[in-house]
Amino acid sequence: MRWNQFRLTTTTEAEDIVSSMLMDLGIQGVQIEDRVPLTKEDKEQMFVDILPDLPEDDGKAYLTFYLGEEDDKGSILMNVQKELREMRAYLDVGECTIEESQTEDVDWVNNWKQYFHQFYIDDILVIPSWEKVEEKDEDKLVIHIDPGTAFGTGTHETTQLCIRQLKKYVKKDARILDVGCGSGILGMLALKFGAGYSVGTDLDPCAIDATHENMEVNGISKEQYEVMIGNIIDDTAVQDAVGYEKYDIVAANILADVLIPLTPVIVRQMKQGGVYITSGIIDNKEAVVVKALEAAGLEVLEVNRQGEWVSVTARKN
């Protein structure tokens, strides 16, 4: 099936209202492009610490939407233009030009699968469900992982740094807390390494389904783990649900700017002698993370690097 694609030029001031108007007219899904700088909260939810340099905000926004072949595009576009004309009386909606093109039908949710293939993290084979384990790999620790729309397949350096530290520090029946669990890969591997129970927290609701699905496909029962949505840094309900002084290991593969406020909070969840494994740290922020860990009373045990990324492991004494 082919889709009619429309790209509407408006202003950043009007983009939210225009987007809402399009939805009210029955248009499902609107993609917004602009040069508005990301807020600190945006960056935290994207789990990124470096972004390309972008041009300054020019006030323009581009809204892309799609109509199927069976849709009455003439009538819909006429209603869009009518609404835009009425908005001009109280809002700067900009040019309001609409460019039309066509695109093939795409399964946006599953399209990423063509880029994700099995790979190794040292002696661990990470493999998606749609690929087969070869005979030569049957004696390896095999992890089946389908991230879906949640973050984390194990391909990124920051995740690999965490996995190596988990393998080193996880003891039999240890209890682990994974902050920013994404697809659940760290908690799942900790359980495979011998941990007794895993708790994961995340800001993204997609992490719930992704973690459950990945745990199930790897033969891990629901009695061995739980996952919850919420910000453990400032949500006392999440802190209480996670529990205090319960964890032998806490893993946090997030961002340096999140690790800094997270650390003094997470120390209360750790047992005496518990190990804190941090990652997601770009190399030029190593010093500030180390300082934050030490300020929270933790003893830094190791600093490991892979490419431009850093993992810092510390202990609560």
C-alpha atoms as a PDB file:
ATOM      1  CA  MET A   1       0.000   0.000   0.000  1.00  0.00           C
ATOM      2  CA  ARG A   2       1.226   3.480  -0.840  1.00  0.00           C
ATOM      3  CA  TRP A   3       0.640   6.449   1.431  1.00  0.00           C
ATOM      4  CA  ASN A   4       0.268  10.126   0.613  1.00  0.00           C
ATOM      5  CA  GLN A   5       2.767  12.074   2.696  1.00  0.00           C
ATOM      6  CA  PHE A   6       2.203  15.749   3.531  1.00  0.00           C
ATOM      7  CA  ARG A   7       4.732  18.162   5.037  1.00  0.00           C
ATOM      8  CA  LEU A   8       3.204  21.326   6.463  1.00  0.00           C
ATOM      9  CA  THR A   9       5.424  24.338   7.190  1.00  0.00           C
ATOM     10  CA  THR A  10       4.370  26.339  10.254  1.00  0.00           C
ATOM     11  CA  THR A  11       6.023  27.987  13.280  1.00  0.00           C
ATOM     12  CA  THR A  12       7.439  26.592  16.501  1.00  0.00           C
ATOM     13  CA  GLU A  13       4.978  28.828  18.349  1.00  0.00           C
ATOM     14  CA  ALA A  14       2.053  27.130  16.610  1.00  0.00           C
ATOM     15  CA  GLU A  15       3.335  23.567  16.195  1.00  0.00           C
ATOM     16  CA  ASP A  16       1.516  22.066  19.184  1.00  0.00           C
ATOM     17  CA  ILE A  17      -1.825  23.702  18.390  1.00  0.00           C
ATOM     18  CA  VAL A  18      -1.592  22.854  14.685  1.00  0.00           C
ATOM     19  CA  SER A  19      -0.632  19.281  15.531  1.00  0.00           C
ATOM     20  CA  SER A  20      -3.644  19.004  17.844  1.00  0.00           C
ATOM     21  CA  MET A  21      -5.874  20.401  15.106  1.00  0.00           C
ATOM     22  CA  LEU A  22      -4.659  17.757  12.650  1.00  0.00           C
ATOM     23  CA  MET A  23      -5.432  15.029  15.171  1.00  0.00           C
ATOM     24  CA  ASP A  24      -8.903  16.479  15.736  1.00  0.00           C
ATOM     25  CA  LEU A  25      -9.513  16.164  11.993  1.00  0.00           C
ATOM     26  CA  GLY A  26      -8.830  12.438  12.222  1.00  0.00           C
ATOM     27  CA  ILE A  27      -5.182  12.420  11.135  1.00  0.00           C
ATOM     28  CA  GLN A  28      -3.419   9.730  13.157  1.00  0.00           C
ATOM     29  CA  GLY A  29       0.188  10.495  14.042  1.00  0.00           C
ATOM     30  CA  VAL A  30       2.034  13.725  13.311  1.00  0.00           C
ATOM     31  CA  GLN A  31       5.825  13.978  13.081  1.00  0.00           C
ATOM     32  CA  ILE A  32       7.248  17.315  14.262  1.00  0.00           C
ATOM     33  CA  GLU A  33      10.622  18.685  13.123  1.00  0.00           C
ATOM     34  CA  ASP A  34      12.062  21.896  14.548  1.00  0.00           C
ATOM     35  CA  ARG A  35      15.287  23.397  15.918  1.00  0.00           C
ATOM     36  CA  VAL A  36      14.025  24.121  19.416  1.00  0.00           C
ATOM     37  CA  PRO A  37      16.824  23.199  21.889  1.00  0.00           C
ATOM     38  CA  LEU A  38      16.166  20.138  24.031  1.00  0.00           C
ATOM     39  CA  THR A  39      15.410  20.719  27.682  1.00  0.00           C
ATOM     40  CA  LYS A  40      17.310  18.918  30.422  1.00  0.00           C
ATOM     41  CA  GLU A  41      14.244  16.711  30.971  1.00  0.00           C
ATOM     42  CA  ASP A  42      14.156  15.827  27.241  1.00  0.00           C
ATOM     43  CA  LYS A  43      17.792  14.721  27.328  1.00  0.00           C
ATOM     44  CA  GLU A  44      17.252  12.615  30.436  1.00  0.00           C
ATOM     45  CA  GLN A  45      14.407  10.699  28.786  1.00  0.00           C
ATOM     46  CA  MET A  46      16.433  10.198  25.585  1.00  0.00           C
ATOM     47  CA  PHE A  47      19.343   8.595  27.478  1.00  0.00           C
ATOM     48  CA  VAL A  48      21.954  10.519  25.516  1.00  0.00           C
ATOM     49  CA  ASP A  49      24.852  12.633  26.704  1.00  0.00           C
ATOM     50  CA  ILE A  50      26.162  13.988  23.395  1.00  0.00           C
ATOM     51  CA  LEU A  51      24.212  15.459  20.532  1.00  0.00           C
ATOM     52  CA  PRO A  52      25.317  16.883  17.180  1.00  0.00           C
ATOM     53  CA  ASP A  53      25.659  20.640  16.952  1.00  0.00           C
ATOM     54  CA  LEU A  54      22.427  21.973  15.488  1.00  0.00           C
ATOM     55  CA  PRO A  55      21.698  25.344  13.866  1.00  0.00           C
ATOM     56  CA  GLU A  56      19.954  27.920  16.018  1.00  0.00           C
ATOM     57  CA  ASP A  57      16.162  27.868  16.208  1.00  0.00           C
ATOM     58  CA  ASP A  58      14.810  29.672  13.142  1.00  0.00           C
ATOM     59  CA  GLY A  59      11.203  29.671  14.367  1.00  0.00           C
ATOM     60  CA  LYS A  60      10.046  27.196  11.718  1.00  0.00           C
ATOM     61  CA  ALA A  61       8.434  23.836  12.338  1.00  0.00           C
ATOM     62  CA  TYR A  62       7.564  21.083   9.880  1.00  0.00           C
ATOM     63  CA  LEU A  63       4.641  18.752  10.561  1.00  0.00           C
ATOM     64  CA  THR A  64       4.532  15.547   8.528  1.00  0.00           C
ATOM     65  CA  PHE A  65       1.398  13.402   8.353  1.00  0.00           C
ATOM     66  CA  TYR A  66       0.108  10.572   6.178  1.00  0.00           C
ATOM     67  CA  LEU A  67      -3.168   9.745   4.448  1.00  0.00           C
ATOM     68  CA  GLY A  68      -4.052   6.379   2.969  1.00  0.00           C
ATOM     69  CA  GLU A  69      -5.150   5.831  -0.614  1.00  0.00           C
ATOM     70  CA  GLU A  70      -8.730   5.362   0.561  1.00  0.00           C
ATOM     71  CA  ASP A  71      -8.815   8.712   2.429  1.00  0.00           C
ATOM     72  CA  ASP A  72     -10.544  11.687   0.837  1.00  0.00           C
ATOM     73  CA  LYS A  73      -7.398  13.802   0.803  1.00  0.00           C
ATOM     74  CA  GLY A  74      -9.077  16.684  -1.032  1.00  0.00           C
ATOM     75  CA  SER A  75     -11.705  17.125   1.664  1.00  0.00           C
ATOM     76  CA  ILE A  76      -9.209  16.637   4.508  1.00  0.00           C
ATOM     77  CA  LEU A  77      -6.715  19.157   3.095  1.00  0.00           C
ATOM     78  CA  MET A  78      -9.513  21.660   2.516  1.00  0.00           C
ATOM     79  CA  ASN A  79     -10.489  21.361   6.197  1.00  0.00           C
ATOM     80  CA  VAL A  80      -6.838  21.706   7.261  1.00  0.00           C
ATOM     81  CA  GLN A  81      -6.471  24.939   5.268  1.00  0.00           C
ATOM     82  CA  LYS A  82      -9.778  26.263   6.649  1.00  0.00           C
ATOM     83  CA  GLU A  83      -8.624  25.670  10.237  1.00  0.00           C
ATOM     84  CA  LEU A  84      -5.250  27.307   9.525  1.00  0.00           C
ATOM     85  CA  ARG A  85      -6.928  30.422   8.089  1.00  0.00           C
ATOM     86  CA  GLU A  86      -9.035  30.740  11.242  1.00  0.00           C
ATOM     87  CA  MET A  87      -5.965  30.338  13.447  1.00  0.00           C
ATOM     88  CA  ARG A  88      -4.266  33.295  11.762  1.00  0.00           C
ATOM     89  CA  ALA A  89      -6.631  35.616  13.635  1.00  0.00           C
ATOM     90  CA  TYR A  90      -4.927  34.844  16.946  1.00  0.00           C
ATOM     91  CA  LEU A  91      -1.713  32.923  16.192  1.00  0.00           C
ATOM     92  CA  ASP A  92       1.319  33.187  13.925  1.00  0.00           C
ATOM     93  CA  VAL A  93       0.986  29.961  11.955  1.00  0.00           C
ATOM     94  CA  GLY A  94       3.663  30.890   9.391  1.00  0.00           C
ATOM     95  CA  GLU A  95       3.674  29.919   5.719  1.00  0.00           C
ATOM     96  CA  CYS A  96       1.266  26.989   6.014  1.00  0.00           C
ATOM     97  CA  THR A  97       2.506  25.544   2.720  1.00  0.00           C
ATOM     98  CA  ILE A  98       1.894  21.826   2.271  1.00  0.00           C
ATOM     99  CA  GLU A  99       4.200  19.644   0.175  1.00  0.00           C
ATOM    100  CA  GLU A 100       2.849  16.306  -1.031  1.00  0.00           C
ATOM    101  CA  SER A 101       4.770  13.124  -1.860  1.00  0.00           C
ATOM    102  CA  GLN A 102       4.216   9.370  -1.729  1.00  0.00           C
ATOM    103  CA  THR A 103       5.808   6.660   0.359  1.00  0.00           C
ATOM    104  CA  GLU A 104       5.565   2.888   0.598  1.00  0.00           C
ATOM    105  CA  ASP A 105       3.826   1.206   3.506  1.00  0.00           C
ATOM    106  CA  VAL A 106       6.323   0.710   6.362  1.00  0.00           C
ATOM    107  CA  ASP A 107       5.995  -1.207   9.610  1.00  0.00           C
ATOM    108  CA  TRP A 108       7.557   1.546  11.700  1.00  0.00           C
ATOM    109  CA  VAL A 109       7.531  -0.430  14.963  1.00  0.00           C
ATOM    110  CA  ASN A 110       9.379  -3.442  13.529  1.00  0.00           C
ATOM    111  CA  ASN A 111      11.514  -1.805  10.831  1.00  0.00           C
ATOM    112  CA  TRP A 112      14.557  -1.633  13.166  1.00  0.00           C
ATOM    113  CA  LYS A 113      14.845  -5.433  13.078  1.00  0.00           C
ATOM    114  CA  GLN A 114      16.691  -5.383   9.763  1.00  0.00           C
ATOM    115  CA  TYR A 115      19.609  -3.655  11.527  1.00  0.00           C
ATOM    116  CA  PHE A 116      19.804  -5.818  14.668  1.00  0.00           C
ATOM    117  CA  HIS A 117      21.682  -9.115  14.362  1.00  0.00           C
ATOM    118  CA  GLN A 118      23.380 -11.495  16.791  1.00  0.00           C
ATOM    119  CA  PHE A 119      26.693 -10.406  18.282  1.00  0.00           C
ATOM    120  CA  TYR A 120      29.109 -11.263  21.078  1.00  0.00           C
ATOM    121  CA  ILE A 121      29.962  -9.506  24.312  1.00  0.00           C
ATOM    122  CA  ASP A 122      33.118 -11.432  25.171  1.00  0.00           C
ATOM    123  CA  ASP A 123      31.828 -15.010  25.671  1.00  0.00           C
ATOM    124  CA  ILE A 124      28.121 -14.067  25.734  1.00  0.00           C
ATOM    125  CA  LEU A 125      26.029 -14.423  22.577  1.00  0.00           C
ATOM    126  CA  VAL A 126      23.225 -11.873  22.291  1.00  0.00           C
ATOM    127  CA  ILE A 127      20.710 -12.905  19.651  1.00  0.00           C
ATOM    128  CA  PRO A 128      17.282 -11.666  18.531  1.00  0.00           C
ATOM    129  CA  SER A 129      14.386 -14.125  18.510  1.00  0.00           C
ATOM    130  CA  TRP A 130      14.206 -14.241  14.710  1.00  0.00           C
ATOM    131  CA  GLU A 131      17.746 -15.643  14.347  1.00  0.00           C
ATOM    132  CA  LYS A 132      18.992 -19.149  15.154  1.00  0.00           C
ATOM    133  CA  VAL A 133      21.827 -20.189  17.455  1.00  0.00           C
ATOM    134  CA  GLU A 134      24.493 -21.931  15.395  1.00  0.00           C
ATOM    135  CA  GLU A 135      25.920 -25.251  16.525  1.00  0.00           C
ATOM    136  CA  LYS A 136      29.313 -23.682  17.335  1.00  0.00           C
ATOM    137  CA  ASP A 137      27.642 -21.376  19.854  1.00  0.00           C
ATOM    138  CA  GLU A 138      25.525 -23.904  21.739  1.00  0.00           C
ATOM    139  CA  ASP A 139      27.997 -24.060  24.645  1.00  0.00           C
ATOM    140  CA  LYS A 140      27.988 -20.258  25.167  1.00  0.00           C
ATOM    141  CA  LEU A 141      25.791 -18.231  27.465  1.00  0.00           C
ATOM    142  CA  VAL A 142      23.029 -17.256  25.033  1.00  0.00           C
ATOM    143  CA  ILE A 143      20.735 -14.300  25.668  1.00  0.00           C
ATOM    144  CA  HIS A 144      17.684 -13.749  23.482  1.00  0.00           C
ATOM    145  CA  ILE A 145      16.810 -10.060  23.349  1.00  0.00           C
ATOM    146  CA  ASP A 146      14.136  -8.136  21.471  1.00  0.00           C
ATOM    147  CA  PRO A 147      14.141  -4.535  22.687  1.00  0.00           C
ATOM    148  CA  GLY A 148      10.984  -3.538  20.811  1.00  0.00           C
ATOM    149  CA  THR A 149      10.581   0.198  21.444  1.00  0.00           C
ATOM    150  CA  ALA A 150      12.507   0.169  24.735  1.00  0.00           C
ATOM    151  CA  PHE A 151      16.166   1.127  25.042  1.00  0.00           C
ATOM    152  CA  GLY A 152      18.906  -1.479  25.243  1.00  0.00           C
ATOM    153  CA  THR A 153      20.136  -4.364  23.109  1.00  0.00           C
ATOM    154  CA  GLY A 154      23.673  -4.604  24.467  1.00  0.00           C
ATOM    155  CA  THR A 155      25.296  -3.247  21.322  1.00  0.00           C
ATOM    156  CA  HIS A 156      26.313   0.056  22.898  1.00  0.00           C
ATOM    157  CA  GLU A 157      29.658   0.437  24.678  1.00  0.00           C
ATOM    158  CA  THR A 158      27.981   1.707  27.858  1.00  0.00           C
ATOM    159  CA  THR A 159      25.858  -1.436  28.188  1.00  0.00           C
ATOM    160  CA  GLN A 160      28.831  -3.693  27.514  1.00  0.00           C
ATOM    161  CA  LEU A 161      30.847  -1.946  30.219  1.00  0.00           C
ATOM    162  CA  CYS A 162      28.024  -2.606  32.680  1.00  0.00           C
ATOM    163  CA  ILE A 163      27.684  -6.249  31.658  1.00  0.00           C
ATOM    164  CA  ARG A 164      31.386  -6.935  32.277  1.00  0.00           C
ATOM    165  CA  GLN A 165      31.165  -5.387  35.737  1.00  0.00           C
ATOM    166  CA  LEU A 166      28.037  -7.354  36.583  1.00  0.00           C
ATOM    167  CA  LYS A 167      29.777 -10.565  35.573  1.00  0.00           C
ATOM    168  CA  LYS A 168      32.657  -9.647  37.873  1.00  0.00           C
ATOM    169  CA  TYR A 169      30.678  -8.581  40.951  1.00  0.00           C
ATOM    170  CA  VAL A 170      27.436 -10.597  40.951  1.00  0.00           C
ATOM    171  CA  LYS A 171      27.457 -13.244  43.679  1.00  0.00           C
ATOM    172  CA  LYS A 172      25.065 -16.154  44.101  1.00  0.00           C
ATOM    173  CA  ASP A 173      21.583 -15.050  45.201  1.00  0.00           C
ATOM    174  CA  ALA A 174      22.535 -11.348  45.061  1.00  0.00           C
ATOM    175  CA  ARG A 175      19.738  -8.815  44.830  1.00  0.00           C
ATOM    176  CA  ILE A 176      20.148  -6.272  42.006  1.00  0.00           C
ATOM    177  CA  LEU A 177      18.500  -2.941  41.236  1.00  0.00           C
ATOM    178  CA  ASP A 178      18.729  -1.710  37.627  1.00  0.00           C
ATOM    179  CA  VAL A 179      17.897   1.998  37.306  1.00  0.00           C
ATOM    180  CA  GLY A 180      16.858   2.823  33.740  1.00  0.00           C
ATOM    181  CA  CYS A 181      16.322  -0.839  32.889  1.00  0.00           C
ATOM    182  CA  GLY A 182      15.053  -0.372  29.296  1.00  0.00           C
ATOM    183  CA  SER A 183      14.784  -3.814  27.706  1.00  0.00           C
ATOM    184  CA  GLY A 184      15.794  -5.514  30.969  1.00  0.00           C
ATOM    185  CA  ILE A 185      19.102  -6.819  29.628  1.00  0.00           C
ATOM    186  CA  LEU A 186      21.199  -5.976  32.703  1.00  0.00           C
ATOM    187  CA  GLY A 187      18.811  -7.502  35.211  1.00  0.00           C
ATOM    188  CA  MET A 188      18.366 -10.543  33.002  1.00  0.00           C
ATOM    189  CA  LEU A 189      22.114 -11.123  32.700  1.00  0.00           C
ATOM    190  CA  ALA A 190      22.605 -10.587  36.428  1.00  0.00           C
ATOM    191  CA  LEU A 191      20.105 -13.388  37.036  1.00  0.00           C
ATOM    192  CA  LYS A 192      21.943 -15.581  34.528  1.00  0.00           C
ATOM    193  CA  PHE A 193      25.190 -14.804  36.387  1.00  0.00           C
ATOM    194  CA  GLY A 194      23.627 -16.150  39.595  1.00  0.00           C
ATOM    195  CA  ALA A 195      21.720 -13.229  41.170  1.00  0.00           C
ATOM    196  CA  GLY A 196      18.594 -14.220  43.061  1.00  0.00           C
ATOM    197  CA  TYR A 197      16.289 -11.289  42.329  1.00  0.00           C
ATOM    198  CA  SER A 198      16.202  -8.244  40.022  1.00  0.00           C
ATOM    199  CA  VAL A 199      14.240  -5.012  40.321  1.00  0.00           C
ATOM    200  CA  GLY A 200      14.173  -2.575  37.398  1.00  0.00           C
ATOM    201  CA  THR A 201      12.933   1.011  37.197  1.00  0.00           C
ATOM    202  CA  ASP A 202      12.483   3.155  34.106  1.00  0.00           C
ATOM    203  CA  LEU A 203      10.787   6.332  32.910  1.00  0.00           C
ATOM    204  CA  ASP A 204       9.550   4.707  29.687  1.00  0.00           C
ATOM    205  CA  PRO A 205       6.342   2.615  29.936  1.00  0.00           C
ATOM    206  CA  CYS A 206       7.630   0.497  27.015  1.00  0.00           C
ATOM    207  CA  ALA A 207      10.177  -0.969  29.447  1.00  0.00           C
ATOM    208  CA  ILE A 208       7.437  -2.943  31.226  1.00  0.00           C
ATOM    209  CA  ASP A 209       6.425  -5.054  28.219  1.00  0.00           C
ATOM    210  CA  ALA A 210       9.971  -5.282  26.848  1.00  0.00           C
ATOM    211  CA  THR A 211      11.371  -6.578  30.143  1.00  0.00           C
ATOM    212  CA  HIS A 212       8.563  -9.094  30.657  1.00  0.00           C
ATOM    213  CA  GLU A 213       8.920 -10.415  27.107  1.00  0.00           C
ATOM    214  CA  ASN A 214      12.711 -10.699  27.268  1.00  0.00           C
ATOM    215  CA  MET A 215      12.681 -12.383  30.671  1.00  0.00           C
ATOM    216  CA  GLU A 216      10.094 -14.898  29.485  1.00  0.00           C
ATOM    217  CA  VAL A 217      11.931 -15.825  26.289  1.00  0.00           C
ATOM    218  CA  ASN A 218      15.072 -16.453  28.369  1.00  0.00           C
ATOM    219  CA  GLY A 219      13.280 -18.773  30.762  1.00  0.00           C
ATOM    220  CA  ILE A 220      13.216 -16.404  33.745  1.00  0.00           C
ATOM    221  CA  SER A 221      10.076 -16.628  35.875  1.00  0.00           C
ATOM    222  CA  LYS A 222       8.136 -13.623  37.166  1.00  0.00           C
ATOM    223  CA  GLU A 223       9.024 -14.686  40.710  1.00  0.00           C
ATOM    224  CA  GLN A 224      12.634 -13.660  40.035  1.00  0.00           C
ATOM    225  CA  TYR A 225      12.123 -10.039  39.024  1.00  0.00           C
ATOM    226  CA  GLU A 226       9.882  -6.995  38.913  1.00  0.00           C
ATOM    227  CA  VAL A 227       9.897  -3.768  36.920  1.00  0.00           C
ATOM    228  CA  MET A 228       8.245  -0.451  37.718  1.00  0.00           C
ATOM    229  CA  ILE A 229       7.801   2.917  36.012  1.00  0.00           C
ATOM    230  CA  GLY A 230       8.765   6.143  37.724  1.00  0.00           C
ATOM    231  CA  ASN A 231      11.609   8.502  38.579  1.00  0.00           C
ATOM    232  CA  ILE A 232      13.422   7.106  41.599  1.00  0.00           C
ATOM    233  CA  ILE A 233      15.335  10.378  42.046  1.00  0.00           C
ATOM    234  CA  ASP A 234      12.366  12.438  43.225  1.00  0.00           C
ATOM    235  CA  ASP A 235       9.393  10.070  43.503  1.00  0.00           C
ATOM    236  CA  THR A 236       9.195   8.830  47.099  1.00  0.00           C
ATOM    237  CA  ALA A 237       6.534   6.275  46.125  1.00  0.00           C
ATOM    238  CA  VAL A 238       9.029   4.637  43.760  1.00  0.00           C
ATOM    239  CA  GLN A 239      11.787   4.836  46.378  1.00  0.00           C
ATOM    240  CA  ASP A 240       9.532   3.130  48.934  1.00  0.00           C
ATOM    241  CA  ALA A 241       8.438   0.466  46.447  1.00  0.00           C
ATOM    242  CA  VAL A 242      12.062  -0.285  45.559  1.00  0.00           C
ATOM    243  CA  GLY A 243      12.972  -0.532  49.249  1.00  0.00           C
ATOM    244  CA  TYR A 244      15.880   0.588  51.409  1.00  0.00           C
ATOM    245  CA  GLU A 245      19.194  -1.138  52.197  1.00  0.00           C
ATOM    246  CA  LYS A 246      18.109  -4.180  50.176  1.00  0.00           C
ATOM    247  CA  TYR A 247      20.490  -4.360  47.215  1.00  0.00           C
ATOM    248  CA  ASP A 248      23.859  -6.013  46.835  1.00  0.00           C
ATOM    249  CA  ILE A 249      24.319  -4.362  43.424  1.00  0.00           C
ATOM    250  CA  VAL A 250      22.846  -1.276  41.802  1.00  0.00           C
ATOM    251  CA  ALA A 251      23.425  -0.738  38.076  1.00  0.00           C
ATOM    252  CA  ALA A 252      22.727   2.612  36.441  1.00  0.00           C
ATOM    253  CA  ASN A 253      23.519   2.933  32.738  1.00  0.00           C
ATOM    254  CA  ILE A 254      22.078   6.404  32.214  1.00  0.00           C
ATOM    255  CA  LEU A 255      23.773   9.807  31.878  1.00  0.00           C
ATOM    256  CA  ALA A 256      26.361  11.670  33.881  1.00  0.00           C
ATOM    257  CA  ASP A 257      23.898  14.490  34.516  1.00  0.00           C
ATOM    258  CA  VAL A 258      21.377  11.981  35.897  1.00  0.00           C
ATOM    259  CA  LEU A 259      23.898   9.940  37.874  1.00  0.00           C
ATOM    260  CA  ILE A 260      24.906  13.003  39.898  1.00  0.00           C
ATOM    261  CA  PRO A 261      21.474  13.575  41.555  1.00  0.00           C
ATOM    262  CA  LEU A 262      20.714   9.830  41.501  1.00  0.00           C
ATOM    263  CA  THR A 263      23.734   8.740  43.558  1.00  0.00           C
ATOM    264  CA  PRO A 264      22.867  10.226  46.992  1.00  0.00           C
ATOM    265  CA  VAL A 265      19.362   8.769  46.621  1.00  0.00           C
ATOM    266  CA  ILE A 266      20.443   5.322  45.499  1.00  0.00           C
ATOM    267  CA  VAL A 267      22.954   4.918  48.336  1.00  0.00           C
ATOM    268  CA  ARG A 268      19.977   4.489  50.687  1.00  0.00           C
ATOM    269  CA  GLN A 269      18.741   1.521  48.634  1.00  0.00           C
ATOM    270  CA  MET A 270      22.115  -0.271  48.869  1.00  0.00           C
ATOM    271  CA  LYS A 271      23.230  -2.720  51.534  1.00  0.00           C
ATOM    272  CA  GLN A 272      26.417  -2.039  53.455  1.00  0.00           C
ATOM    273  CA  GLY A 273      29.179  -3.349  51.181  1.00  0.00           C
ATOM    274  CA  GLY A 274      26.916  -3.073  48.142  1.00  0.00           C
ATOM    275  CA  VAL A 275      28.422  -2.334  44.740  1.00  0.00           C
ATOM    276  CA  TYR A 276      27.279   0.549  42.508  1.00  0.00           C
ATOM    277  CA  ILE A 277      27.977   0.105  38.786  1.00  0.00           C
ATOM    278  CA  THR A 278      27.546   3.270  36.741  1.00  0.00           C
ATOM    279  CA  SER A 279      27.878   3.775  33.011  1.00  0.00           C
ATOM    280  CA  GLY A 280      26.602   6.020  30.223  1.00  0.00           C
ATOM    281  CA  ILE A 281      29.335   8.515  31.107  1.00  0.00           C
ATOM    282  CA  ILE A 282      31.019  10.392  28.260  1.00  0.00           C
ATOM    283  CA  ASP A 283      34.750  10.634  28.947  1.00  0.00           C
ATOM    284  CA  ASN A 284      34.850  14.364  29.659  1.00  0.00           C
ATOM    285  CA  LYS A 285      32.367  13.900  32.529  1.00  0.00           C
ATOM    286  CA  GLU A 286      34.271  11.143  34.301  1.00  0.00           C
ATOM    287  CA  ALA A 287      35.667  13.487  36.955  1.00  0.00           C
ATOM    288  CA  VAL A 288      32.290  14.962  37.968  1.00  0.00           C
ATOM    289  CA  VAL A 289      30.752  11.499  38.352  1.00  0.00           C
ATOM    290  CA  VAL A 290      33.672  10.260  40.454  1.00  0.00           C
ATOM    291  CA  LYS A 291      33.325  13.380  42.612  1.00  0.00           C
ATOM    292  CA  ALA A 292      29.580  12.750  43.061  1.00  0.00           C
ATOM    293  CA  LEU A 293      30.170   9.126  44.097  1.00  0.00           C
ATOM    294  CA  GLU A 294      32.817  10.115  46.621  1.00  0.00           C
ATOM    295  CA  ALA A 295      30.628  12.939  47.969  1.00  0.00           C
ATOM    296  CA  ALA A 296      27.916  10.328  48.656  1.00  0.00           C
ATOM    297  CA  GLY A 297      30.395   8.375  50.778  1.00  0.00           C
ATOM    298  CA  LEU A 298      31.174   5.675  48.221  1.00  0.00           C
ATOM    299  CA  GLU A 299      34.619   4.187  47.632  1.00  0.00           C
ATOM    300  CA  VAL A 300      35.566   4.122  43.938  1.00  0.00           C
ATOM    301  CA  LEU A 301      36.833   0.650  43.059  1.00  0.00           C
ATOM    302  CA  GLU A 302      37.341   0.813  39.298  1.00  0.00           C
ATOM    303  CA  VAL A 303      37.146   3.117  36.310  1.00  0.00           C
ATOM    304  CA  ASN A 304      36.816   1.295  32.986  1.00  0.00           C
ATOM    305  CA  ARG A 305      36.707   2.741  29.496  1.00  0.00           C
ATOM    306  CA  GLN A 306      35.543   1.650  26.063  1.00  0.00           C
ATOM    307  CA  GLY A 307      35.880   4.124  23.228  1.00  0.00           C
ATOM    308  CA  GLU A 308      34.770   7.516  24.530  1.00  0.00           C
ATOM    309  CA  TRP A 309      32.586   5.984  27.261  1.00  0.00           C
ATOM    310  CA  VAL A 310      33.359   5.383  30.925  1.00  0.00           C
ATOM    311  CA  SER A 311      32.030   3.094  33.656  1.00  0.00           C
ATOM    312  CA  VAL A 312      32.737   3.813  37.315  1.00  0.00           C
ATOM    313  CA  THR A 313      32.243   1.090  39.935  1.00  0.00           C
ATOM    314  CA  ALA A 314      32.061   1.984  43.640  1.00  0.00           C
ATOM    315  CA  ARG A 315      31.263   0.362  47.012  1.00  0.00           C
ATOM    316  CA  LYS A 316      29.193   1.461  49.993  1.00  0.00           C
ATOM    317  CA  ASN A 317      31.398   0.908  53.061  1.00  0.00           C
END
